[in-house]
């Protein structure tokens, strides 16, 4: 098990985002992939962390299992639309917390930038 230094409250969101992004970057480079392949490329991360991300993608329908290719082999679900890693990460990590959302997605900041008529 990896020993990770404790993060400050301020830096923990950024650190978590970067950890998730490193796994998502590996997954998005593949059109189809075996679960073990992702684990091997993300060897610096805890296996349970990688598993949670892959399971989240599957649960939301972004990836689907390929039953003919063996256990835990996936492909992207092209019928769901284009996967946007940054949006997925923002939604997953920040949810509806406006103060934690990127500034471009905050209603007040958007209104200030674009004007009230948009």
PDB file of N, CA and C in Angstrom:
ATOM      1  N   UNK A   1       0.830  -1.167   0.000  1.00  0.00           N
ATOM      2  CA  UNK A   1       0.000   0.000   0.000  1.00  0.00           C
ATOM      3  C   UNK A   1       0.884   1.243   0.000  1.00  0.00           C
ATOM      4  N   UNK A   2       0.502   2.235  -0.740  1.00  0.00           N
ATOM      5  CA  UNK A   2       1.284   3.442  -0.866  1.00  0.00           C
ATOM      6  C   UNK A   2       1.075   4.343   0.350  1.00  0.00           C
ATOM      7  N   UNK A   3       2.134   4.982   0.796  1.00  0.00           N
ATOM      8  CA  UNK A   3       2.022   5.985   1.848  1.00  0.00           C
ATOM      9  C   UNK A   3       1.978   7.345   1.189  1.00  0.00           C
ATOM     10  N   UNK A   4       0.868   8.017   1.343  1.00  0.00           N
ATOM     11  CA  UNK A   4       0.705   9.334   0.749  1.00  0.00           C
ATOM     12  C   UNK A   4       0.800  10.388   1.837  1.00  0.00           C
ATOM     13  N   UNK A   5       1.490  11.491   1.542  1.00  0.00           N
ATOM     14  CA  UNK A   5       1.532  12.564   2.534  1.00  0.00           C
ATOM     15  C   UNK A   5       0.147  13.161   2.715  1.00  0.00           C
ATOM     16  N   UNK A   6      -0.152  13.617   3.921  1.00  0.00           N
ATOM     17  CA  UNK A   6      -1.444  14.252   4.170  1.00  0.00           C
ATOM     18  C   UNK A   6      -1.525  15.555   3.393  1.00  0.00           C
ATOM     19  N   UNK A   7      -2.682  15.793   2.824  1.00  0.00           N
ATOM     20  CA  UNK A   7      -2.912  17.003   2.041  1.00  0.00           C
ATOM     21  C   UNK A   7      -3.605  18.033   2.912  1.00  0.00           C
ATOM     22  N   UNK A   8      -3.312  19.285   2.681  1.00  0.00           N
ATOM     23  CA  UNK A   8      -4.063  20.333   3.350  1.00  0.00           C
ATOM     24  C   UNK A   8      -5.457  20.360   2.745  1.00  0.00           C
ATOM     25  N   UNK A   9      -6.388  20.958   3.450  1.00  0.00           N
ATOM     26  CA  UNK A   9      -7.759  21.029   2.943  1.00  0.00           C
ATOM     27  C   UNK A   9      -7.799  21.759   1.611  1.00  0.00           C
ATOM     28  N   UNK A  10      -6.981  22.790   1.456  1.00  0.00           N
ATOM     29  CA  UNK A  10      -6.967  23.558   0.224  1.00  0.00           C
ATOM     30  C   UNK A  10      -6.410  22.747  -0.943  1.00  0.00           C
ATOM     31  N   UNK A  11      -5.362  21.997  -0.709  1.00  0.00           N
ATOM     32  CA  UNK A  11      -4.718  21.248  -1.775  1.00  0.00           C
ATOM     33  C   UNK A  11      -5.328  19.890  -2.054  1.00  0.00           C
ATOM     34  N   UNK A  12      -6.225  19.420  -1.203  1.00  0.00           N
ATOM     35  CA  UNK A  12      -6.754  18.079  -1.373  1.00  0.00           C
ATOM     36  C   UNK A  12      -7.622  17.950  -2.614  1.00  0.00           C
ATOM     37  N   UNK A  13      -8.415  18.964  -2.942  1.00  0.00           N
ATOM     38  CA  UNK A  13      -9.249  18.906  -4.139  1.00  0.00           C
ATOM     39  C   UNK A  13      -8.393  18.843  -5.391  1.00  0.00           C
ATOM     40  N   UNK A  14      -7.356  19.633  -5.435  1.00  0.00           N
ATOM     41  CA  UNK A  14      -6.459  19.645  -6.585  1.00  0.00           C
ATOM     42  C   UNK A  14      -5.725  18.320  -6.706  1.00  0.00           C
ATOM     43  N   UNK A  15      -5.247  17.795  -5.593  1.00  0.00           N
ATOM     44  CA  UNK A  15      -4.530  16.519  -5.612  1.00  0.00           C
ATOM     45  C   UNK A  15      -5.452  15.385  -6.067  1.00  0.00           C
ATOM     46  N   UNK A  16      -6.663  15.379  -5.565  1.00  0.00           N
ATOM     47  CA  UNK A  16      -7.616  14.341  -5.951  1.00  0.00           C
ATOM     48  C   UNK A  16      -7.964  14.451  -7.431  1.00  0.00           C
ATOM     49  N   UNK A  17      -8.147  15.667  -7.898  1.00  0.00           N
ATOM     50  CA  UNK A  17      -8.435  15.896  -9.314  1.00  0.00           C
ATOM     51  C   UNK A  17      -7.308  15.341 -10.178  1.00  0.00           C
ATOM     52  N   UNK A  18      -6.079  15.635  -9.813  1.00  0.00           N
ATOM     53  CA  UNK A  18      -4.925  15.166 -10.584  1.00  0.00           C
ATOM     54  C   UNK A  18      -4.811  13.645 -10.560  1.00  0.00           C
ATOM     55  N   UNK A  19      -5.100  13.044  -9.414  1.00  0.00           N
ATOM     56  CA  UNK A  19      -5.070  11.581  -9.324  1.00  0.00           C
ATOM     57  C   UNK A  19      -6.110  10.958 -10.263  1.00  0.00           C
ATOM     58  N   UNK A  20      -7.328  11.486 -10.212  1.00  0.00           N
ATOM     59  CA  UNK A  20      -8.386  10.970 -11.086  1.00  0.00           C
ATOM     60  C   UNK A  20      -8.044  11.205 -12.551  1.00  0.00           C
ATOM     61  N   UNK A  21      -7.512  12.370 -12.846  1.00  0.00           N
ATOM     62  CA  UNK A  21      -7.159  12.712 -14.226  1.00  0.00           C
ATOM     63  C   UNK A  21      -6.104  11.760 -14.775  1.00  0.00           C
ATOM     64  N   UNK A  22      -5.155  11.355 -13.949  1.00  0.00           N
ATOM     65  CA  UNK A  22      -4.118  10.446 -14.438  1.00  0.00           C
ATOM     66  C   UNK A  22      -4.718   9.105 -14.866  1.00  0.00           C
ATOM     67  N   UNK A  23      -5.722   8.626 -14.157  1.00  0.00           N
ATOM     68  CA  UNK A  23      -6.385   7.369 -14.527  1.00  0.00           C
ATOM     69  C   UNK A  23      -7.247   7.592 -15.771  1.00  0.00           C
ATOM     70  N   UNK A  24      -8.007   8.669 -15.802  1.00  0.00           N
ATOM     71  CA  UNK A  24      -8.867   8.962 -16.953  1.00  0.00           C
ATOM     72  C   UNK A  24      -8.040   9.138 -18.219  1.00  0.00           C
ATOM     73  N   UNK A  25      -6.875   9.753 -18.112  1.00  0.00           N
ATOM     74  CA  UNK A  25      -6.005   9.927 -19.276  1.00  0.00           C
ATOM     75  C   UNK A  25      -5.602   8.584 -19.875  1.00  0.00           C
ATOM     76  N   UNK A  26      -5.309   7.620 -19.031  1.00  0.00           N
ATOM     77  CA  UNK A  26      -4.945   6.279 -19.517  1.00  0.00           C
ATOM     78  C   UNK A  26      -6.139   5.627 -20.196  1.00  0.00           C
ATOM     79  N   UNK A  27      -7.310   5.732 -19.582  1.00  0.00           N
ATOM     80  CA  UNK A  27      -8.509   5.091 -20.126  1.00  0.00           C
ATOM     81  C   UNK A  27      -8.912   5.715 -21.458  1.00  0.00           C
ATOM     82  N   UNK A  28      -8.854   7.028 -21.553  1.00  0.00           N
ATOM     83  CA  UNK A  28      -9.319   7.695 -22.777  1.00  0.00           C
ATOM     84  C   UNK A  28      -8.383   7.489 -23.967  1.00  0.00           C
ATOM     85  N   UNK A  29      -7.183   7.007 -23.729  1.00  0.00           N
ATOM     86  CA  UNK A  29      -6.264   6.728 -24.834  1.00  0.00           C
ATOM     87  C   UNK A  29      -6.597   5.412 -25.531  1.00  0.00           C
ATOM     88  N   UNK A  30      -7.516   4.660 -24.982  1.00  0.00           N
ATOM     89  CA  UNK A  30      -7.860   3.338 -25.512  1.00  0.00           C
ATOM     90  C   UNK A  30      -9.280   3.353 -26.078  1.00  0.00           C
ATOM     91  N   UNK A  31      -9.497   2.649 -27.179  1.00  0.00           N
ATOM     92  CA  UNK A  31     -10.878   2.486 -27.653  1.00  0.00           C
ATOM     93  C   UNK A  31     -11.497   1.256 -26.986  1.00  0.00           C
ATOM     94  N   UNK A  32     -10.680   0.249 -26.762  1.00  0.00           N
ATOM     95  CA  UNK A  32     -11.071  -0.906 -25.956  1.00  0.00           C
ATOM     96  C   UNK A  32      -9.907  -1.190 -25.017  1.00  0.00           C
ATOM     97  N   UNK A  33     -10.217  -1.764 -23.870  1.00  0.00           N
ATOM     98  CA  UNK A  33      -9.142  -2.021 -22.917  1.00  0.00           C
ATOM     99  C   UNK A  33      -9.544  -3.095 -21.923  1.00  0.00           C
ATOM    100  N   UNK A  34      -8.528  -3.777 -21.451  1.00  0.00           N
ATOM    101  CA  UNK A  34      -8.709  -4.746 -20.380  1.00  0.00           C
ATOM    102  C   UNK A  34      -8.477  -4.041 -19.052  1.00  0.00           C
ATOM    103  N   UNK A  35      -9.220  -4.440 -18.061  1.00  0.00           N
ATOM    104  CA  UNK A  35      -9.114  -3.844 -16.741  1.00  0.00           C
ATOM    105  C   UNK A  35      -7.685  -3.960 -16.206  1.00  0.00           C
ATOM    106  N   UNK A  36      -7.051  -5.096 -16.409  1.00  0.00           N
ATOM    107  CA  UNK A  36      -5.675  -5.298 -15.948  1.00  0.00           C
ATOM    108  C   UNK A  36      -4.707  -4.320 -16.618  1.00  0.00           C
ATOM    109  N   UNK A  37      -4.964  -3.983 -17.857  1.00  0.00           N
ATOM    110  CA  UNK A  37      -4.129  -3.029 -18.590  1.00  0.00           C
ATOM    111  C   UNK A  37      -4.147  -1.662 -17.895  1.00  0.00           C
ATOM    112  N   UNK A  38      -5.327  -1.230 -17.486  1.00  0.00           N
ATOM    113  CA  UNK A  38      -5.445   0.060 -16.800  1.00  0.00           C
ATOM    114  C   UNK A  38      -4.724   0.011 -15.459  1.00  0.00           C
ATOM    115  N   UNK A  39      -4.904  -1.082 -14.737  1.00  0.00           N
ATOM    116  CA  UNK A  39      -4.207  -1.235 -13.455  1.00  0.00           C
ATOM    117  C   UNK A  39      -2.689  -1.187 -13.635  1.00  0.00           C
ATOM    118  N   UNK A  40      -2.190  -1.829 -14.667  1.00  0.00           N
ATOM    119  CA  UNK A  40      -0.743  -1.840 -14.905  1.00  0.00           C
ATOM    120  C   UNK A  40      -0.212  -0.449 -15.250  1.00  0.00           C
ATOM    121  N   UNK A  41      -0.970   0.313 -16.040  1.00  0.00           N
ATOM    122  CA  UNK A  41      -0.527   1.660 -16.407  1.00  0.00           C
ATOM    123  C   UNK A  41      -0.679   2.665 -15.272  1.00  0.00           C
ATOM    124  N   UNK A  42      -1.481   2.326 -14.299  1.00  0.00           N
ATOM    125  CA  UNK A  42      -1.706   3.217 -13.146  1.00  0.00           C
ATOM    126  C   UNK A  42      -1.133   2.573 -11.891  1.00  0.00           C
ATOM    127  N   UNK A  43       0.045   1.995 -12.014  1.00  0.00           N
ATOM    128  CA  UNK A  43       0.652   1.247 -10.912  1.00  0.00           C
ATOM    129  C   UNK A  43       0.938   2.113  -9.690  1.00  0.00           C
ATOM    130  N   UNK A  44       1.069   3.423  -9.876  1.00  0.00           N
ATOM    131  CA  UNK A  44       1.326   4.315  -8.742  1.00  0.00           C
ATOM    132  C   UNK A  44       0.081   4.544  -7.886  1.00  0.00           C
ATOM    133  N   UNK A  45      -1.076   4.216  -8.424  1.00  0.00           N
ATOM    134  CA  UNK A  45      -2.327   4.405  -7.692  1.00  0.00           C
ATOM    135  C   UNK A  45      -2.756   3.115  -7.002  1.00  0.00           C
ATOM    136  N   UNK A  46      -3.522   3.277  -5.962  1.00  0.00           N
ATOM    137  CA  UNK A  46      -4.089   2.112  -5.275  1.00  0.00           C
ATOM    138  C   UNK A  46      -5.075   1.426  -6.209  1.00  0.00           C
ATOM    139  N   UNK A  47      -5.051   0.098  -6.254  1.00  0.00           N
ATOM    140  CA  UNK A  47      -5.980  -0.619  -7.144  1.00  0.00           C
ATOM    141  C   UNK A  47      -7.446  -0.266  -6.894  1.00  0.00           C
ATOM    142  N   UNK A  48      -7.832  -0.072  -5.638  1.00  0.00           N
ATOM    143  CA  UNK A  48      -9.229   0.260  -5.328  1.00  0.00           C
ATOM    144  C   UNK A  48      -9.617   1.616  -5.914  1.00  0.00           C
ATOM    145  N   UNK A  49      -8.684   2.546  -5.960  1.00  0.00           N
ATOM    146  CA  UNK A  49      -8.941   3.872  -6.523  1.00  0.00           C
ATOM    147  C   UNK A  49      -9.222   3.750  -8.022  1.00  0.00           C
ATOM    148  N   UNK A  50      -8.399   2.986  -8.718  1.00  0.00           N
ATOM    149  CA  UNK A  50      -8.583   2.780 -10.163  1.00  0.00           C
ATOM    150  C   UNK A  50      -9.896   2.050 -10.404  1.00  0.00           C
ATOM    151  N   UNK A  51     -10.194   1.057  -9.586  1.00  0.00           N
ATOM    152  CA  UNK A  51     -11.436   0.294  -9.717  1.00  0.00           C
ATOM    153  C   UNK A  51     -12.653   1.200  -9.569  1.00  0.00           C
ATOM    154  N   UNK A  52     -12.637   2.106  -8.597  1.00  0.00           N
ATOM    155  CA  UNK A  52     -13.775   3.024  -8.401  1.00  0.00           C
ATOM    156  C   UNK A  52     -14.004   3.897  -9.629  1.00  0.00           C
ATOM    157  N   UNK A  53     -12.935   4.353 -10.245  1.00  0.00           N
ATOM    158  CA  UNK A  53     -13.098   5.201 -11.427  1.00  0.00           C
ATOM    159  C   UNK A  53     -13.667   4.404 -12.592  1.00  0.00           C
ATOM    160  N   UNK A  54     -13.122   3.222 -12.846  1.00  0.00           N
ATOM    161  CA  UNK A  54     -13.618   2.381 -13.945  1.00  0.00           C
ATOM    162  C   UNK A  54     -15.072   1.983 -13.685  1.00  0.00           C
ATOM    163  N   UNK A  55     -15.393   1.605 -12.451  1.00  0.00           N
ATOM    164  CA  UNK A  55     -16.772   1.243 -12.122  1.00  0.00           C
ATOM    165  C   UNK A  55     -17.717   2.432 -12.289  1.00  0.00           C
ATOM    166  N   UNK A  56     -17.244   3.627 -11.947  1.00  0.00           N
ATOM    167  CA  UNK A  56     -18.067   4.825 -12.138  1.00  0.00           C
ATOM    168  C   UNK A  56     -18.363   5.087 -13.602  1.00  0.00           C
ATOM    169  N   UNK A  57     -17.355   4.914 -14.452  1.00  0.00           N
ATOM    170  CA  UNK A  57     -17.560   5.078 -15.900  1.00  0.00           C
ATOM    171  C   UNK A  57     -18.552   4.046 -16.426  1.00  0.00           C
ATOM    172  N   UNK A  58     -18.449   2.827 -15.933  1.00  0.00           N
ATOM    173  CA  UNK A  58     -19.368   1.771 -16.374  1.00  0.00           C
ATOM    174  C   UNK A  58     -20.782   2.038 -15.859  1.00  0.00           C
ATOM    175  N   UNK A  59     -20.904   2.408 -14.607  1.00  0.00           N
ATOM    176  CA  UNK A  59     -22.211   2.669 -14.000  1.00  0.00           C
ATOM    177  C   UNK A  59     -22.947   3.799 -14.737  1.00  0.00           C
ATOM    178  N   UNK A  60     -22.214   4.793 -15.184  1.00  0.00           N
ATOM    179  CA  UNK A  60     -22.822   5.918 -15.898  1.00  0.00           C
ATOM    180  C   UNK A  60     -23.018   5.642 -17.387  1.00  0.00           C
ATOM    181  N   UNK A  61     -22.575   4.494 -17.839  1.00  0.00           N
ATOM    182  CA  UNK A  61     -22.798   4.107 -19.227  1.00  0.00           C
ATOM    183  C   UNK A  61     -21.768   4.618 -20.219  1.00  0.00           C
ATOM    184  N   UNK A  62     -20.665   5.181 -19.742  1.00  0.00           N
ATOM    185  CA  UNK A  62     -19.626   5.655 -20.661  1.00  0.00           C
ATOM    186  C   UNK A  62     -18.833   4.504 -21.258  1.00  0.00           C
ATOM    187  N   UNK A  63     -18.629   3.458 -20.491  1.00  0.00           N
ATOM    188  CA  UNK A  63     -17.964   2.258 -21.000  1.00  0.00           C
ATOM    189  C   UNK A  63     -18.880   1.072 -20.754  1.00  0.00           C
ATOM    190  N   UNK A  64     -18.736   0.053 -21.598  1.00  0.00           N
ATOM    191  CA  UNK A  64     -19.525  -1.169 -21.455  1.00  0.00           C
ATOM    192  C   UNK A  64     -18.582  -2.362 -21.527  1.00  0.00           C
ATOM    193  N   UNK A  65     -18.965  -3.421 -20.833  1.00  0.00           N
ATOM    194  CA  UNK A  65     -18.154  -4.644 -20.858  1.00  0.00           C
ATOM    195  C   UNK A  65     -18.332  -5.372 -22.178  1.00  0.00           C
ATOM    196  N   UNK A  66     -17.259  -5.959 -22.625  1.00  0.00           N
ATOM    197  CA  UNK A  66     -17.259  -6.783 -23.828  1.00  0.00           C
ATOM    198  C   UNK A  66     -17.323  -8.236 -23.383  1.00  0.00           C
ATOM    199  N   UNK A  67     -18.494  -8.849 -23.377  1.00  0.00           N
ATOM    200  CA  UNK A  67     -18.604 -10.211 -22.854  1.00  0.00           C
ATOM    201  C   UNK A  67     -17.810 -11.243 -23.663  1.00  0.00           C
ATOM    202  N   UNK A  68     -17.664 -11.012 -24.949  1.00  0.00           N
ATOM    203  CA  UNK A  68     -16.954 -11.987 -25.777  1.00  0.00           C
ATOM    204  C   UNK A  68     -15.439 -11.913 -25.608  1.00  0.00           C
ATOM    205  N   UNK A  69     -14.930 -10.826 -25.054  1.00  0.00           N
ATOM    206  CA  UNK A  69     -13.485 -10.639 -24.928  1.00  0.00           C
ATOM    207  C   UNK A  69     -12.932 -11.115 -23.588  1.00  0.00           C
ATOM    208  N   UNK A  70     -13.753 -11.678 -22.756  1.00  0.00           N
ATOM    209  CA  UNK A  70     -13.281 -12.136 -21.457  1.00  0.00           C
ATOM    210  C   UNK A  70     -13.705 -11.206 -20.344  1.00  0.00           C
ATOM    211  N   UNK A  71     -13.364 -11.601 -19.156  1.00  0.00           N
ATOM    212  CA  UNK A  71     -13.777 -10.856 -17.973  1.00  0.00           C
ATOM    213  C   UNK A  71     -13.074  -9.507 -17.890  1.00  0.00           C
ATOM    214  N   UNK A  72     -13.834  -8.500 -17.573  1.00  0.00           N
ATOM    215  CA  UNK A  72     -13.328  -7.158 -17.313  1.00  0.00           C
ATOM    216  C   UNK A  72     -12.611  -6.547 -18.522  1.00  0.00           C
ATOM    217  N   UNK A  73     -13.199  -6.698 -19.675  1.00  0.00           N
ATOM    218  CA  UNK A  73     -12.716  -6.057 -20.891  1.00  0.00           C
ATOM    219  C   UNK A  73     -13.791  -5.069 -21.319  1.00  0.00           C
ATOM    220  N   UNK A  74     -13.407  -3.834 -21.613  1.00  0.00           N
ATOM    221  CA  UNK A  74     -14.355  -2.766 -21.862  1.00  0.00           C
ATOM    222  C   UNK A  74     -14.134  -2.102 -23.215  1.00  0.00           C
ATOM    223  N   UNK A  75     -15.164  -1.402 -23.654  1.00  0.00           N
ATOM    224  CA  UNK A  75     -15.079  -0.519 -24.812  1.00  0.00           C
ATOM    225  C   UNK A  75     -15.898   0.721 -24.493  1.00  0.00           C
ATOM    226  N   UNK A  76     -15.600   1.808 -25.193  1.00  0.00           N
ATOM    227  CA  UNK A  76     -16.357   3.035 -25.001  1.00  0.00           C
ATOM    228  C   UNK A  76     -17.734   2.883 -25.627  1.00  0.00           C
ATOM    229  N   UNK A  77     -18.724   3.400 -24.967  1.00  0.00           N
ATOM    230  CA  UNK A  77     -20.097   3.373 -25.459  1.00  0.00           C
ATOM    231  C   UNK A  77     -20.296   4.572 -26.372  1.00  0.00           C
ATOM    232  N   UNK A  78     -20.137   4.359 -27.675  1.00  0.00           N
ATOM    233  CA  UNK A  78     -20.230   5.470 -28.627  1.00  0.00           C
ATOM    234  C   UNK A  78     -21.651   6.000 -28.747  1.00  0.00           C
ATOM    235  N   UNK A  79     -22.634   5.219 -28.355  1.00  0.00           N
ATOM    236  CA  UNK A  79     -24.019   5.674 -28.409  1.00  0.00           C
ATOM    237  C   UNK A  79     -24.351   6.711 -27.346  1.00  0.00           C
ATOM    238  N   UNK A  80     -23.505   6.877 -26.374  1.00  0.00           N
ATOM    239  CA  UNK A  80     -23.758   7.831 -25.287  1.00  0.00           C
ATOM    240  C   UNK A  80     -23.297   9.238 -25.649  1.00  0.00           C
ATOM    241  N   UNK A  81     -22.566   9.365 -26.724  1.00  0.00           N
ATOM    242  CA  UNK A  81     -22.044  10.676 -27.113  1.00  0.00           C
ATOM    243  C   UNK A  81     -20.556  10.754 -26.842  1.00  0.00           C
ATOM    244  N   UNK A  82     -20.022  11.939 -27.036  1.00  0.00           N
ATOM    245  CA  UNK A  82     -18.584  12.141 -26.834  1.00  0.00           C
ATOM    246  C   UNK A  82     -18.281  12.315 -25.351  1.00  0.00           C
ATOM    247  N   UNK A  83     -17.322  11.543 -24.881  1.00  0.00           N
ATOM    248  CA  UNK A  83     -16.907  11.645 -23.489  1.00  0.00           C
ATOM    249  C   UNK A  83     -16.009  12.863 -23.331  1.00  0.00           C
ATOM    250  N   UNK A  84     -16.333  13.710 -22.370  1.00  0.00           N
ATOM    251  CA  UNK A  84     -15.545  14.911 -22.096  1.00  0.00           C
ATOM    252  C   UNK A  84     -14.899  14.733 -20.725  1.00  0.00           C
ATOM    253  N   UNK A  85     -13.622  14.348 -20.702  1.00  0.00           N
ATOM    254  CA  UNK A  85     -12.956  14.038 -19.435  1.00  0.00           C
ATOM    255  C   UNK A  85     -13.009  15.167 -18.412  1.00  0.00           C
ATOM    256  N   UNK A  86     -12.776  16.399 -18.833  1.00  0.00           N
ATOM    257  CA  UNK A  86     -12.768  17.513 -17.890  1.00  0.00           C
ATOM    258  C   UNK A  86     -14.131  17.709 -17.260  1.00  0.00           C
ATOM    259  N   UNK A  87     -15.181  17.644 -18.061  1.00  0.00           N
ATOM    260  CA  UNK A  87     -16.537  17.791 -17.528  1.00  0.00           C
ATOM    261  C   UNK A  87     -16.866  16.638 -16.593  1.00  0.00           C
ATOM    262  N   UNK A  88     -16.498  15.422 -16.969  1.00  0.00           N
ATOM    263  CA  UNK A  88     -16.782  14.264 -16.129  1.00  0.00           C
ATOM    264  C   UNK A  88     -16.075  14.408 -14.779  1.00  0.00           C
ATOM    265  N   UNK A  89     -14.816  14.806 -14.814  1.00  0.00           N
ATOM    266  CA  UNK A  89     -14.069  14.993 -13.568  1.00  0.00           C
ATOM    267  C   UNK A  89     -14.673  16.106 -12.710  1.00  0.00           C
ATOM    268  N   UNK A  90     -15.021  17.218 -13.334  1.00  0.00           N
ATOM    269  CA  UNK A  90     -15.640  18.320 -12.592  1.00  0.00           C
ATOM    270  C   UNK A  90     -16.936  17.863 -11.923  1.00  0.00           C
ATOM    271  N   UNK A  91     -17.794  17.168 -12.677  1.00  0.00           N
ATOM    272  CA  UNK A  91     -19.063  16.692 -12.124  1.00  0.00           C
ATOM    273  C   UNK A  91     -18.838  15.688 -11.003  1.00  0.00           C
ATOM    274  N   UNK A  92     -17.907  14.799 -11.209  1.00  0.00           N
ATOM    275  CA  UNK A  92     -17.652  13.746 -10.217  1.00  0.00           C
ATOM    276  C   UNK A  92     -17.045  14.310  -8.935  1.00  0.00           C
ATOM    277  N   UNK A  93     -16.108  15.200  -9.064  1.00  0.00           N
ATOM    278  CA  UNK A  93     -15.397  15.690  -7.886  1.00  0.00           C
ATOM    279  C   UNK A  93     -16.066  16.875  -7.215  1.00  0.00           C
ATOM    280  N   UNK A  94     -16.711  17.729  -7.997  1.00  0.00           N
ATOM    281  CA  UNK A  94     -17.273  18.944  -7.419  1.00  0.00           C
ATOM    282  C   UNK A  94     -18.790  18.933  -7.355  1.00  0.00           C
ATOM    283  N   UNK A  95     -19.408  18.093  -8.172  1.00  0.00           N
ATOM    284  CA  UNK A  95     -20.861  17.986  -8.145  1.00  0.00           C
ATOM    285  C   UNK A  95     -21.537  19.331  -8.289  1.00  0.00           C
ATOM    286  N   UNK A  96     -22.460  19.593  -7.401  1.00  0.00           N
ATOM    287  CA  UNK A  96     -23.230  20.828  -7.463  1.00  0.00           C
ATOM    288  C   UNK A  96     -22.705  21.887  -6.494  1.00  0.00           C
ATOM    289  N   UNK A  97     -21.552  21.672  -5.946  1.00  0.00           N
ATOM    290  CA  UNK A  97     -20.961  22.646  -5.030  1.00  0.00           C
ATOM    291  C   UNK A  97     -20.442  23.823  -5.838  1.00  0.00           C
ATOM    292  N   UNK A  98     -21.191  24.892  -5.851  1.00  0.00           N
ATOM    293  CA  UNK A  98     -20.839  26.035  -6.673  1.00  0.00           C
ATOM    294  C   UNK A  98     -19.467  26.583  -6.294  1.00  0.00           C
ATOM    295  N   UNK A  99     -19.150  26.615  -5.016  1.00  0.00           N
ATOM    296  CA  UNK A  99     -17.858  27.182  -4.614  1.00  0.00           C
ATOM    297  C   UNK A  99     -16.694  26.311  -5.039  1.00  0.00           C
ATOM    298  N   UNK A 100     -16.944  25.042  -5.297  1.00  0.00           N
ATOM    299  CA  UNK A 100     -15.885  24.135  -5.731  1.00  0.00           C
ATOM    300  C   UNK A 100     -15.850  23.977  -7.248  1.00  0.00           C
ATOM    301  N   UNK A 101     -16.880  24.448  -7.922  1.00  0.00           N
ATOM    302  CA  UNK A 101     -16.949  24.325  -9.374  1.00  0.00           C
ATOM    303  C   UNK A 101     -15.940  25.258 -10.033  1.00  0.00           C
ATOM    304  N   UNK A 102     -15.470  24.885 -11.223  1.00  0.00           N
ATOM    305  CA  UNK A 102     -14.590  25.793 -11.954  1.00  0.00           C
ATOM    306  C   UNK A 102     -15.308  27.125 -12.200  1.00  0.00           C
ATOM    307  N   UNK A 103     -14.573  28.206 -12.210  1.00  0.00           N
ATOM    308  CA  UNK A 103     -15.194  29.529 -12.355  1.00  0.00           C
ATOM    309  C   UNK A 103     -16.036  29.650 -13.608  1.00  0.00           C
ATOM    310  N   UNK A 104     -15.629  28.991 -14.687  1.00  0.00           N
ATOM    311  CA  UNK A 104     -16.377  29.101 -15.940  1.00  0.00           C
ATOM    312  C   UNK A 104     -17.788  28.525 -15.815  1.00  0.00           C
ATOM    313  N   UNK A 105     -18.018  27.660 -14.795  1.00  0.00           N
ATOM    314  CA  UNK A 105     -19.323  27.026 -14.617  1.00  0.00           C
ATOM    315  C   UNK A 105     -20.163  27.654 -13.511  1.00  0.00           C
ATOM    316  N   UNK A 106     -19.654  28.637 -12.829  1.00  0.00           N
ATOM    317  CA  UNK A 106     -20.403  29.278 -11.748  1.00  0.00           C
ATOM    318  C   UNK A 106     -21.400  30.272 -12.331  1.00  0.00           C
ATOM    319  N   UNK A 107     -22.656  30.211 -11.916  1.00  0.00           N
ATOM    320  CA  UNK A 107     -23.684  31.081 -12.513  1.00  0.00           C
ATOM    321  C   UNK A 107     -23.372  32.573 -12.390  1.00  0.00           C
ATOM    322  N   UNK A 108     -22.944  33.022 -11.235  1.00  0.00           N
ATOM    323  CA  UNK A 108     -22.690  34.451 -11.050  1.00  0.00           C
ATOM    324  C   UNK A 108     -21.536  34.919 -11.930  1.00  0.00           C
ATOM    325  N   UNK A 109     -20.448  34.150 -11.945  1.00  0.00           N
ATOM    326  CA  UNK A 109     -19.285  34.523 -12.745  1.00  0.00           C
ATOM    327  C   UNK A 109     -19.617  34.498 -14.240  1.00  0.00           C
ATOM    328  N   UNK A 110     -20.420  33.517 -14.660  1.00  0.00           N
ATOM    329  CA  UNK A 110     -20.830  33.432 -16.047  1.00  0.00           C
ATOM    330  C   UNK A 110     -21.672  34.661 -16.427  1.00  0.00           C
ATOM    331  N   UNK A 111     -22.569  35.025 -15.530  1.00  0.00           N
ATOM    332  CA  UNK A 111     -23.424  36.194 -15.772  1.00  0.00           C
ATOM    333  C   UNK A 111     -22.572  37.456 -15.898  1.00  0.00           C
ATOM    334  N   UNK A 112     -21.601  37.624 -15.007  1.00  0.00           N
ATOM    335  CA  UNK A 112     -20.718  38.781 -15.069  1.00  0.00           C
ATOM    336  C   UNK A 112     -19.941  38.805 -16.376  1.00  0.00           C
ATOM    337  N   UNK A 113     -19.497  37.665 -16.792  1.00  0.00           N
ATOM    338  CA  UNK A 113     -18.677  37.579 -17.999  1.00  0.00           C
ATOM    339  C   UNK A 113     -19.499  37.763 -19.266  1.00  0.00           C
ATOM    340  N   UNK A 114     -20.634  37.086 -19.339  1.00  0.00           N
ATOM    341  CA  UNK A 114     -21.431  37.048 -20.574  1.00  0.00           C
ATOM    342  C   UNK A 114     -22.576  38.069 -20.590  1.00  0.00           C
ATOM    343  N   UNK A 115     -22.955  38.554 -19.441  1.00  0.00           N
ATOM    344  CA  UNK A 115     -24.096  39.464 -19.372  1.00  0.00           C
ATOM    345  C   UNK A 115     -25.359  38.714 -19.015  1.00  0.00           C
ATOM    346  N   UNK A 116     -26.311  39.420 -18.490  1.00  0.00           N
ATOM    347  CA  UNK A 116     -27.547  38.815 -17.995  1.00  0.00           C
ATOM    348  C   UNK A 116     -28.451  38.279 -19.104  1.00  0.00           C
ATOM    349  N   UNK A 117     -28.286  38.713 -20.334  1.00  0.00           N
ATOM    350  CA  UNK A 117     -29.168  38.277 -21.415  1.00  0.00           C
ATOM    351  C   UNK A 117     -28.832  36.905 -21.966  1.00  0.00           C
ATOM    352  N   UNK A 118     -27.725  36.329 -21.555  1.00  0.00           N
ATOM    353  CA  UNK A 118     -27.317  35.018 -22.086  1.00  0.00           C
ATOM    354  C   UNK A 118     -27.839  33.908 -21.271  1.00  0.00           C
TER     355      UNK A 118
END
